[in-house]
C-alpha atoms as a PDB file:
ATOM      1  CA  MET A   1     107.426  76.687  -5.121  1.00  0.00           C
ATOM      2  CA  GLU A   2     106.533  73.419  -7.037  1.00  0.00           C
ATOM      3  CA  ALA A   3     110.080  72.104  -7.583  1.00  0.00           C
ATOM      4  CA  GLY A   4     113.749  72.656  -6.619  1.00  0.00           C
ATOM      5  CA  ILE A   5     116.681  71.690  -8.440  1.00  0.00           C
ATOM      6  CA  ILE A   6     119.932  71.200  -6.245  1.00  0.00           C
ATOM      7  CA  ILE A   7     123.178  71.109  -8.386  1.00  0.00           C
ATOM      8  CA  ASN A   8     126.566  69.956  -7.021  1.00  0.00           C
ATOM      9  CA  PRO A   9     129.216  71.908  -8.900  1.00  0.00           C
ATOM     10  CA  TYR A  10     131.967  69.615  -7.385  1.00  0.00           C
ATOM     11  CA  ALA A  11     130.548  66.348  -8.694  1.00  0.00           C
ATOM     12  CA  GLY A  12     132.564  64.086 -10.809  1.00  0.00           C
ATOM     13  CA  THR A  13     131.539  65.051 -14.347  1.00  0.00           C
ATOM     14  CA  LEU A  14     130.882  68.794 -13.426  1.00  0.00           C
ATOM     15  CA  ARG A  15     133.519  71.568 -13.380  1.00  0.00           C
ATOM     16  CA  SER A  16     133.227  75.076 -12.141  1.00  0.00           C
ATOM     17  CA  GLY A  17     133.157  76.331 -15.837  1.00  0.00           C
ATOM     18  CA  ASP A  18     130.060  74.224 -16.456  1.00  0.00           C
ATOM     19  CA  ILE A  19     127.816  75.463 -13.567  1.00  0.00           C
ATOM     20  CA  GLU A  20     126.222  78.503 -15.309  1.00  0.00           C
ATOM     21  CA  ARG A  21     125.451  76.205 -18.181  1.00  0.00           C
ATOM     22  CA  CYS A  22     123.864  73.620 -15.912  1.00  0.00           C
ATOM     23  CA  ILE A  23     121.799  76.599 -14.198  1.00  0.00           C
ATOM     24  CA  ARG A  24     120.497  77.694 -17.687  1.00  0.00           C
ATOM     25  CA  LEU A  25     119.528  74.185 -18.485  1.00  0.00           C
ATOM     26  CA  ALA A  26     117.674  73.615 -15.127  1.00  0.00           C
ATOM     27  CA  ARG A  27     115.811  76.913 -15.625  1.00  0.00           C
ATOM     28  CA  THR A  28     114.838  76.150 -19.105  1.00  0.00           C
ATOM     29  CA  ALA A  29     113.618  72.714 -17.928  1.00  0.00           C
ATOM     30  CA  LEU A  30     111.492  74.261 -15.220  1.00  0.00           C
ATOM     31  CA  ASP A  31     109.956  76.573 -18.064  1.00  0.00           C
ATOM     32  CA  LYS A  32     109.237  73.823 -20.419  1.00  0.00           C
ATOM     33  CA  CYS A  33     107.438  71.879 -17.602  1.00  0.00           C
ATOM     34  CA  ALA A  34     105.579  74.998 -16.552  1.00  0.00           C
ATOM     35  CA  LEU A  35     106.896  74.743 -13.021  1.00  0.00           C
ATOM     36  CA  ASP A  36     107.338  77.420 -10.529  1.00  0.00           C
ATOM     37  CA  GLY A  37     110.932  76.318  -9.237  1.00  0.00           C
ATOM     38  CA  GLU A  38     114.245  77.306  -7.937  1.00  0.00           C
ATOM     39  CA  VAL A  39     117.856  76.318  -8.877  1.00  0.00           C
ATOM     40  CA  VAL A  40     120.460  76.302  -6.357  1.00  0.00           C
ATOM     41  CA  ARG A  41     124.067  75.047  -6.143  1.00  0.00           C
ATOM     42  CA  THR A  42     125.765  73.335  -3.120  1.00  0.00           C
ATOM     43  CA  THR A  43     128.804  74.830  -1.476  1.00  0.00           C
ATOM     44  CA  GLY A  44     130.053  71.652   0.410  1.00  0.00           C
ATOM     45  CA  ILE A  45     129.169  68.238   1.906  1.00  0.00           C
ATOM     46  CA  GLY A  46     125.965  68.476   3.858  1.00  0.00           C
ATOM     47  CA  THR A  47     124.569  71.557   1.942  1.00  0.00           C
ATOM     48  CA  ALA A  48     122.469  69.671  -0.327  1.00  0.00           C
ATOM     49  CA  ARG A  49     120.469  68.295   2.525  1.00  0.00           C
ATOM     50  CA  GLU A  50     120.011  71.604   3.921  1.00  0.00           C
ATOM     51  CA  LEU A  51     118.842  73.136   0.637  1.00  0.00           C
ATOM     52  CA  ALA A  52     116.505  70.399   0.277  1.00  0.00           C
ATOM     53  CA  ARG A  53     115.120  70.749   3.864  1.00  0.00           C
ATOM     54  CA  SER A  54     114.634  74.418   2.987  1.00  0.00           C
ATOM     55  CA  MET A  55     112.765  73.678  -0.363  1.00  0.00           C
ATOM     56  CA  VAL A  56     110.516  71.086   1.307  1.00  0.00           C
ATOM     57  CA  ALA A  57     109.606  73.830   3.938  1.00  0.00           C
ATOM     58  CA  SER A  58     108.780  75.993   1.073  1.00  0.00           C
ATOM     59  CA  GLY A  59     106.240  73.735  -0.298  1.00  0.00           C
ATOM     60  CA  ALA A  60     108.264  71.895  -3.186  1.00  0.00           C
ATOM     61  CA  SER A  61     106.727  68.769  -4.121  1.00  0.00           C
ATOM     62  CA  THR A  62     109.641  67.667  -6.467  1.00  0.00           C
ATOM     63  CA  LEU A  63     113.310  67.781  -5.621  1.00  0.00           C
ATOM     64  CA  VAL A  64     116.025  67.158  -8.319  1.00  0.00           C
ATOM     65  CA  ALA A  65     119.443  66.086  -7.222  1.00  0.00           C
ATOM     66  CA  TRP A  66     122.006  66.841  -9.940  1.00  0.00           C
ATOM     67  CA  GLY A  67     125.289  65.235  -8.988  1.00  0.00           C
ATOM     68  CA  GLY A  68     126.788  62.030  -7.978  1.00  0.00           C
ATOM     69  CA  ASP A  69     125.440  59.376  -5.476  1.00  0.00           C
ATOM     70  CA  GLY A  70     126.426  61.465  -2.493  1.00  0.00           C
ATOM     71  CA  THR A  71     124.298  64.360  -3.607  1.00  0.00           C
ATOM     72  CA  VAL A  72     121.367  61.960  -4.248  1.00  0.00           C
ATOM     73  CA  ASN A  73     121.889  60.590  -0.829  1.00  0.00           C
ATOM     74  CA  GLU A  74     121.558  63.873   0.905  1.00  0.00           C
ATOM     75  CA  VAL A  75     118.576  65.036  -0.977  1.00  0.00           C
ATOM     76  CA  ALA A  76     117.013  61.629  -0.729  1.00  0.00           C
ATOM     77  CA  ALA A  77     117.527  61.715   2.918  1.00  0.00           C
ATOM     78  CA  GLU A  78     115.290  64.706   3.282  1.00  0.00           C
ATOM     79  CA  VAL A  79     112.557  63.287   0.811  1.00  0.00           C
ATOM     80  CA  ALA A  80     112.295  59.952   2.232  1.00  0.00           C
ATOM     81  CA  PHE A  81     109.068  59.217   3.929  1.00  0.00           C
ATOM     82  CA  ARG A  82     107.446  62.370   2.519  1.00  0.00           C
ATOM     83  CA  SER A  83     105.082  63.164  -0.098  1.00  0.00           C
ATOM     84  CA  VAL A  84     107.844  64.671  -2.224  1.00  0.00           C
ATOM     85  CA  VAL A  85     109.337  63.113  -5.358  1.00  0.00           C
ATOM     86  CA  LEU A  86     113.027  62.700  -5.906  1.00  0.00           C
ATOM     87  CA  GLY A  87     114.419  63.351  -9.399  1.00  0.00           C
ATOM     88  CA  ILE A  88     118.062  62.663 -10.367  1.00  0.00           C
ATOM     89  CA  VAL A  89     120.253  64.047 -13.153  1.00  0.00           C
ATOM     90  CA  PRO A  90     123.407  62.146 -13.314  1.00  0.00           C
ATOM     91  CA  GLY A  91     126.621  64.197 -12.635  1.00  0.00           C
ATOM     92  CA  GLY A  92     128.868  62.030 -10.608  1.00  0.00           C
ATOM     93  CA  SER A  93     131.831  59.694 -11.317  1.00  0.00           C
ATOM     94  CA  GLY A  94     129.973  56.352 -10.913  1.00  0.00           C
ATOM     95  CA  ASN A  95     126.233  57.331 -10.779  1.00  0.00           C
ATOM     96  CA  GLY A  96     125.177  53.894  -9.190  1.00  0.00           C
ATOM     97  CA  LEU A  97     121.518  54.612  -8.549  1.00  0.00           C
ATOM     98  CA  ALA A  98     121.002  56.575 -11.960  1.00  0.00           C
ATOM     99  CA  ARG A  99     122.537  53.492 -13.781  1.00  0.00           C
ATOM    100  CA  GLU A 100     120.502  51.186 -11.936  1.00  0.00           C
ATOM    101  CA  LEU A 101     117.298  53.155 -12.848  1.00  0.00           C
ATOM    102  CA  ARG A 102     118.692  53.431 -16.373  1.00  0.00           C
ATOM    103  CA  LEU A 103     118.157  57.241 -16.333  1.00  0.00           C
ATOM    104  CA  GLU A 104     119.316  59.225 -19.289  1.00  0.00           C
ATOM    105  CA  ARG A 105     122.737  60.791 -18.895  1.00  0.00           C
ATOM    106  CA  ARG A 106     122.134  63.870 -21.177  1.00  0.00           C
ATOM    107  CA  PRO A 107     121.242  66.545 -18.806  1.00  0.00           C
ATOM    108  CA  GLU A 108     118.455  68.066 -21.026  1.00  0.00           C
ATOM    109  CA  THR A 109     116.479  64.842 -21.292  1.00  0.00           C
ATOM    110  CA  ALA A 110     117.300  63.724 -17.511  1.00  0.00           C
ATOM    111  CA  LEU A 111     116.030  67.114 -16.288  1.00  0.00           C
ATOM    112  CA  LEU A 112     112.774  66.591 -18.135  1.00  0.00           C
ATOM    113  CA  THR A 113     112.500  62.969 -16.769  1.00  0.00           C
ATOM    114  CA  ALA A 114     113.235  64.291 -13.210  1.00  0.00           C
ATOM    115  CA  LEU A 115     110.495  66.923 -13.358  1.00  0.00           C
ATOM    116  CA  GLN A 116     107.783  65.192 -15.128  1.00  0.00           C
ATOM    117  CA  GLY A 117     108.442  61.478 -15.750  1.00  0.00           C
ATOM    118  CA  ALA A 118     106.601  58.365 -14.284  1.00  0.00           C
ATOM    119  CA  GLU A 119     107.118  57.910 -10.496  1.00  0.00           C
ATOM    120  CA  ARG A 120     108.467  54.878  -8.969  1.00  0.00           C
ATOM    121  CA  VAL A 121     108.528  53.893  -5.351  1.00  0.00           C
ATOM    122  CA  LEU A 122     112.087  52.750  -3.959  1.00  0.00           C
ATOM    123  CA  ASP A 123     113.285  51.114  -0.771  1.00  0.00           C
ATOM    124  CA  VAL A 124     115.464  53.033   1.438  1.00  0.00           C
ATOM    125  CA  GLY A 125     118.289  51.414   3.691  1.00  0.00           C
ATOM    126  CA  GLU A 126     119.599  52.501   6.855  1.00  0.00           C
ATOM    127  CA  ILE A 127     122.810  51.802   8.590  1.00  0.00           C
ATOM    128  CA  GLY A 128     124.278  53.250  11.893  1.00  0.00           C
ATOM    129  CA  GLY A 129     121.343  55.907  11.765  1.00  0.00           C
ATOM    130  CA  LYS A 130     122.178  56.899   8.286  1.00  0.00           C
ATOM    131  CA  LEU A 131     119.927  56.408   5.366  1.00  0.00           C
ATOM    132  CA  PHE A 132     121.161  55.163   1.981  1.00  0.00           C
ATOM    133  CA  VAL A 133     119.352  54.568  -1.242  1.00  0.00           C
ATOM    134  CA  ASN A 134     121.849  52.713  -3.305  1.00  0.00           C
ATOM    135  CA  VAL A 135     124.885  50.822  -1.491  1.00  0.00           C
ATOM    136  CA  ALA A 136     126.462  51.249   1.977  1.00  0.00           C
ATOM    137  CA  GLY A 137     129.195  49.285   3.369  1.00  0.00           C
ATOM    138  CA  LEU A 138     132.338  48.772   5.466  1.00  0.00           C
ATOM    139  CA  GLY A 139     135.790  47.647   5.015  1.00  0.00           C
ATOM    140  CA  PHE A 140     137.807  48.159   2.035  1.00  0.00           C
ATOM    141  CA  ASP A 141     134.965  50.105   0.030  1.00  0.00           C
ATOM    142  CA  ALA A 142     134.425  52.430   2.861  1.00  0.00           C
ATOM    143  CA  HIS A 143     138.309  52.820   3.109  1.00  0.00           C
ATOM    144  CA  LEU A 144     138.305  53.431  -0.697  1.00  0.00           C
ATOM    145  CA  ALA A 145     135.520  55.947  -0.666  1.00  0.00           C
ATOM    146  CA  GLU A 146     137.273  57.913   2.132  1.00  0.00           C
ATOM    147  CA  MET A 147     140.280  58.227  -0.294  1.00  0.00           C
ATOM    148  CA  PHE A 148     138.353  59.109  -3.218  1.00  0.00           C
ATOM    149  CA  ASN A 149     136.428  61.966  -1.323  1.00  0.00           C
ATOM    150  CA  THR A 150     139.741  63.461  -0.379  1.00  0.00           C
ATOM    151  CA  SER A 151     141.225  63.246  -3.748  1.00  0.00           C
ATOM    152  CA  SER A 152     141.065  65.969  -6.369  1.00  0.00           C
ATOM    153  CA  HIS A 153     141.429  63.532  -9.094  1.00  0.00           C
ATOM    154  CA  ARG A 154     138.276  62.048 -10.966  1.00  0.00           C
ATOM    155  CA  GLY A 155     137.687  59.788 -13.762  1.00  0.00           C
ATOM    156  CA  ARG A 156     138.064  55.880 -14.308  1.00  0.00           C
ATOM    157  CA  THR A 157     141.928  56.122 -14.645  1.00  0.00           C
ATOM    158  CA  ALA A 158     142.381  58.001 -11.476  1.00  0.00           C
ATOM    159  CA  TYR A 159     139.833  55.717  -9.769  1.00  0.00           C
ATOM    160  CA  PHE A 160     141.672  52.517 -10.930  1.00  0.00           C
ATOM    161  CA  MET A 161     145.177  53.706  -9.902  1.00  0.00           C
ATOM    162  CA  MET A 162     143.714  54.852  -6.380  1.00  0.00           C
ATOM    163  CA  THR A 163     141.983  51.365  -6.045  1.00  0.00           C
ATOM    164  CA  LEU A 164     145.243  49.539  -6.975  1.00  0.00           C
ATOM    165  CA  ARG A 165     147.186  51.511  -4.261  1.00  0.00           C
ATOM    166  CA  ALA A 166     144.613  51.018  -1.661  1.00  0.00           C
ATOM    167  CA  LEU A 167     144.449  47.360  -2.343  1.00  0.00           C
ATOM    168  CA  LEU A 168     148.225  46.733  -1.867  1.00  0.00           C
ATOM    169  CA  ALA A 169     148.170  48.527   1.511  1.00  0.00           C
ATOM    170  CA  TYR A 170     144.767  47.458   3.003  1.00  0.00           C
ATOM    171  CA  ARG A 171     144.533  44.897   5.671  1.00  0.00           C
ATOM    172  CA  PRO A 172     141.141  42.965   6.143  1.00  0.00           C
ATOM    173  CA  SER A 173     139.320  42.952   9.324  1.00  0.00           C
ATOM    174  CA  ALA A 174     137.241  40.443  11.295  1.00  0.00           C
ATOM    175  CA  TYR A 175     133.405  41.052  11.468  1.00  0.00           C
ATOM    176  CA  THR A 176     130.425  39.303  12.960  1.00  0.00           C
ATOM    177  CA  VAL A 177     127.345  39.350  10.959  1.00  0.00           C
ATOM    178  CA  ARG A 178     123.951  38.514  12.561  1.00  0.00           C
ATOM    179  CA  ALA A 179     121.020  38.224  10.252  1.00  0.00           C
ATOM    180  CA  GLU A 180     117.862  36.238   9.656  1.00  0.00           C
ATOM    181  CA  GLY A 181     118.411  34.108  12.558  1.00  0.00           C
ATOM    182  CA  GLU A 182     122.041  33.189  11.850  1.00  0.00           C
ATOM    183  CA  THR A 183     125.362  34.538  12.952  1.00  0.00           C
ATOM    184  CA  PHE A 184     128.939  34.078  11.241  1.00  0.00           C
ATOM    185  CA  HIS A 185     132.341  35.550  12.072  1.00  0.00           C
ATOM    186  CA  ASP A 186     135.089  35.869   9.635  1.00  0.00           C
ATOM    187  CA  THR A 187     137.712  37.985   8.137  1.00  0.00           C
ATOM    188  CA  ALA A 188     136.479  40.139   5.192  1.00  0.00           C
ATOM    189  CA  LEU A 189     137.833  42.446   2.619  1.00  0.00           C
ATOM    190  CA  LEU A 190     134.451  44.128   2.690  1.00  0.00           C
ATOM    191  CA  VAL A 191     130.765  43.761   3.803  1.00  0.00           C
ATOM    192  CA  SER A 192     128.382  45.580   1.374  1.00  0.00           C
ATOM    193  CA  ILE A 193     124.809  46.459   2.144  1.00  0.00           C
ATOM    194  CA  ALA A 194     123.147  46.875  -1.052  1.00  0.00           C
ATOM    195  CA  ASN A 195     119.844  48.328  -2.104  1.00  0.00           C
ATOM    196  CA  GLY A 196     120.647  48.621  -5.821  1.00  0.00           C
ATOM    197  CA  ARG A 197     123.041  46.337  -7.537  1.00  0.00           C
ATOM    198  CA  GLN A 198     126.010  48.425  -8.346  1.00  0.00           C
ATOM    199  CA  TYR A 199     128.517  50.824  -6.999  1.00  0.00           C
ATOM    200  CA  GLY A 200     128.529  52.501 -10.355  1.00  0.00           C
ATOM    201  CA  SER A 201     130.078  52.323 -13.827  1.00  0.00           C
ATOM    202  CA  GLY A 202     128.680  48.967 -14.097  1.00  0.00           C
ATOM    203  CA  ALA A 203     130.501  47.296 -11.180  1.00  0.00           C
ATOM    204  CA  ARG A 204     127.762  45.043  -9.716  1.00  0.00           C
ATOM    205  CA  ILE A 205     128.669  44.233  -6.218  1.00  0.00           C
ATOM    206  CA  ALA A 206     125.041  42.664  -5.566  1.00  0.00           C
ATOM    207  CA  PRO A 207     123.904  41.423  -9.020  1.00  0.00           C
ATOM    208  CA  LEU A 208     120.629  39.933  -7.401  1.00  0.00           C
ATOM    209  CA  ALA A 209     119.466  42.954  -5.508  1.00  0.00           C
ATOM    210  CA  ARG A 210     116.434  44.949  -6.381  1.00  0.00           C
ATOM    211  CA  VAL A 211     115.542  48.523  -5.286  1.00  0.00           C
ATOM    212  CA  ASP A 212     112.022  47.735  -4.607  1.00  0.00           C
ATOM    213  CA  ASP A 213     111.908  44.319  -3.293  1.00  0.00           C
ATOM    214  CA  GLY A 214     111.650  45.275   0.426  1.00  0.00           C
ATOM    215  CA  LEU A 215     115.109  43.605   1.226  1.00  0.00           C
ATOM    216  CA  LEU A 216     118.770  44.579   1.321  1.00  0.00           C
ATOM    217  CA  ASP A 217     121.391  42.284   0.077  1.00  0.00           C
ATOM    218  CA  VAL A 218     124.321  41.709   2.571  1.00  0.00           C
ATOM    219  CA  VAL A 219     127.429  40.690   0.466  1.00  0.00           C
ATOM    220  CA  PHE A 220     130.380  39.335   2.720  1.00  0.00           C
ATOM    221  CA  VAL A 221     133.432  39.226   0.581  1.00  0.00           C
ATOM    222  CA  GLY A 222     136.224  37.138   2.385  1.00  0.00           C
ATOM    223  CA  ALA A 223     139.796  38.248   2.822  1.00  0.00           C
ATOM    224  CA  ARG A 224     141.780  37.484  -0.248  1.00  0.00           C
ATOM    225  CA  SER A 225     145.149  38.657  -1.710  1.00  0.00           C
ATOM    226  CA  PRO A 226     145.186  41.959  -3.907  1.00  0.00           C
ATOM    227  CA  TRP A 227     146.135  39.877  -6.853  1.00  0.00           C
ATOM    228  CA  SER A 228     143.111  37.709  -6.267  1.00  0.00           C
ATOM    229  CA  VAL A 229     140.934  40.694  -6.234  1.00  0.00           C
ATOM    230  CA  LEU A 230     142.447  42.164  -9.605  1.00  0.00           C
ATOM    231  CA  SER A 231     142.332  39.004 -11.313  1.00  0.00           C
ATOM    232  CA  GLN A 232     138.615  38.251 -10.502  1.00  0.00           C
ATOM    233  CA  ALA A 233     137.469  41.995 -10.932  1.00  0.00           C
ATOM    234  CA  TRP A 234     135.816  41.205 -14.094  1.00  0.00           C
ATOM    235  CA  ARG A 235     133.134  39.366 -12.324  1.00  0.00           C
ATOM    236  CA  LEU A 236     131.795  42.833 -10.879  1.00  0.00           C
ATOM    237  CA  PHE A 237     130.946  43.635 -14.416  1.00  0.00           C
ATOM    238  CA  ASN A 238     129.460  40.382 -15.786  1.00  0.00           C
ATOM    239  CA  GLY A 239     127.267  39.795 -12.705  1.00  0.00           C
ATOM    240  CA  THR A 240     128.962  36.750 -11.178  1.00  0.00           C
ATOM    241  CA  VAL A 241     130.706  38.204  -8.181  1.00  0.00           C
ATOM    242  CA  TYR A 242     128.465  36.343  -5.853  1.00  0.00           C
ATOM    243  CA  ARG A 243     129.619  32.968  -7.225  1.00  0.00           C
ATOM    244  CA  LEU A 244     133.182  33.384  -6.085  1.00  0.00           C
ATOM    245  CA  LYS A 245     134.408  31.284  -3.184  1.00  0.00           C
ATOM    246  CA  GLY A 246     134.395  33.185  -0.105  1.00  0.00           C
ATOM    247  CA  VAL A 247     131.644  35.427  -1.027  1.00  0.00           C
ATOM    248  CA  ARG A 248     128.339  35.140   0.888  1.00  0.00           C
ATOM    249  CA  THR A 249     125.120  36.962   0.271  1.00  0.00           C
ATOM    250  CA  LEU A 250     122.080  37.226   2.403  1.00  0.00           C
ATOM    251  CA  SER A 251     118.744  39.099   1.573  1.00  0.00           C
ATOM    252  CA  VAL A 252     117.556  40.829   4.799  1.00  0.00           C
ATOM    253  CA  GLN A 253     115.111  43.255   6.200  1.00  0.00           C
ATOM    254  CA  ARG A 254     117.322  43.507   9.320  1.00  0.00           C
ATOM    255  CA  ALA A 255     121.006  42.657  10.377  1.00  0.00           C
ATOM    256  CA  GLU A 256     123.780  43.650  12.627  1.00  0.00           C
ATOM    257  CA  LEU A 257     127.409  44.123  12.064  1.00  0.00           C
ATOM    258  CA  ALA A 258     129.905  44.211  14.740  1.00  0.00           C
ATOM    259  CA  ALA A 259     133.726  44.210  15.208  1.00  0.00           C
ATOM    260  CA  PRO A 260     136.099  44.727  18.248  1.00  0.00           C
ATOM    261  CA  ARG A 261     136.706  48.425  17.310  1.00  0.00           C
ATOM    262  CA  PRO A 262     134.594  51.399  15.924  1.00  0.00           C
ATOM    263  CA  LEU A 263     133.450  50.876  12.518  1.00  0.00           C
ATOM    264  CA  THR A 264     134.073  53.152   9.573  1.00  0.00           C
ATOM    265  CA  PHE A 265     131.236  52.832   7.160  1.00  0.00           C
ATOM    266  CA  HIS A 266     129.864  54.604   3.960  1.00  0.00           C
ATOM    267  CA  VAL A 267     126.349  55.319   2.792  1.00  0.00           C
ATOM    268  CA  ASP A 268     126.217  56.021  -0.902  1.00  0.00           C
ATOM    269  CA  GLY A 269     129.947  56.943  -0.942  1.00  0.00           C
ATOM    270  CA  GLU A 270     129.907  59.358   1.997  1.00  0.00           C
ATOM    271  CA  VAL A 271     131.946  58.048   5.027  1.00  0.00           C
ATOM    272  CA  PHE A 272     131.155  57.981   8.670  1.00  0.00           C
ATOM    273  CA  THR A 273     132.496  56.315  11.749  1.00  0.00           C
ATOM    274  CA  GLY A 274     130.109  54.454  14.160  1.00  0.00           C
ATOM    275  CA  GLY A 275     130.356  52.289  17.245  1.00  0.00           C
ATOM    276  CA  THR A 276     131.526  48.673  17.411  1.00  0.00           C
ATOM    277  CA  CYS A 277     128.031  47.330  16.341  1.00  0.00           C
ATOM    278  CA  LEU A 278     125.876  48.682  13.542  1.00  0.00           C
ATOM    279  CA  LYS A 279     122.272  47.944  12.879  1.00  0.00           C
ATOM    280  CA  VAL A 280     121.117  47.737   9.475  1.00  0.00           C
END
């Protein structure tokens, strides 16, 4: 097998009625590229990584993740540090990494790019022993990711309403950050660790980050009221969030994040719980 295409039928823009069409498109793309390949669908969280591992063991030199950032994360975690190429077909609600790489949204075109497009080397981040390719973090964005993952509602309107409800109820926590020879302690709304610039849908939490510069951007957003967050949210979309008072950004290769309690964090939108200190 030369290539494997892994489709997440539960991703944001995909629905169960679309999956057979997606499979047909994927098989057509393999035929157009004259590649011997396999098309499979996930059945739940974690299965994309299992499928990717099996495909690599079968000799696949290209793996395509068709879904959102979580699906990309699972496949990328199996591809990282191997001589295997990762392709992406955007199918999620935000598609942060796909947008960062300016990939085509139309599946027919994205599939051909994923299977035979120019290759590019990207950095990979790690936090708490989990790999991520776009953005990881803790605090409010991990809390919101957990809410979003357990919700059956998708789309921008649903996400906005969920964010509003979460903001009104969320209480910021204190964190200690140790990085690049300095240590600071403060209460934060969130601490983001960014390889790429954006969460998705154009919301750029780390406008100065680059996916191939050998660094991660730690973005510490100090505590603020829900109304302040809402009134300044436009800065996420025009690339000026780092200029806000109480926002601190460090470009690092390594860092430590600590708190008095076990830390809940996300990697590309998938949520985990670690210890009281997380190494980045």
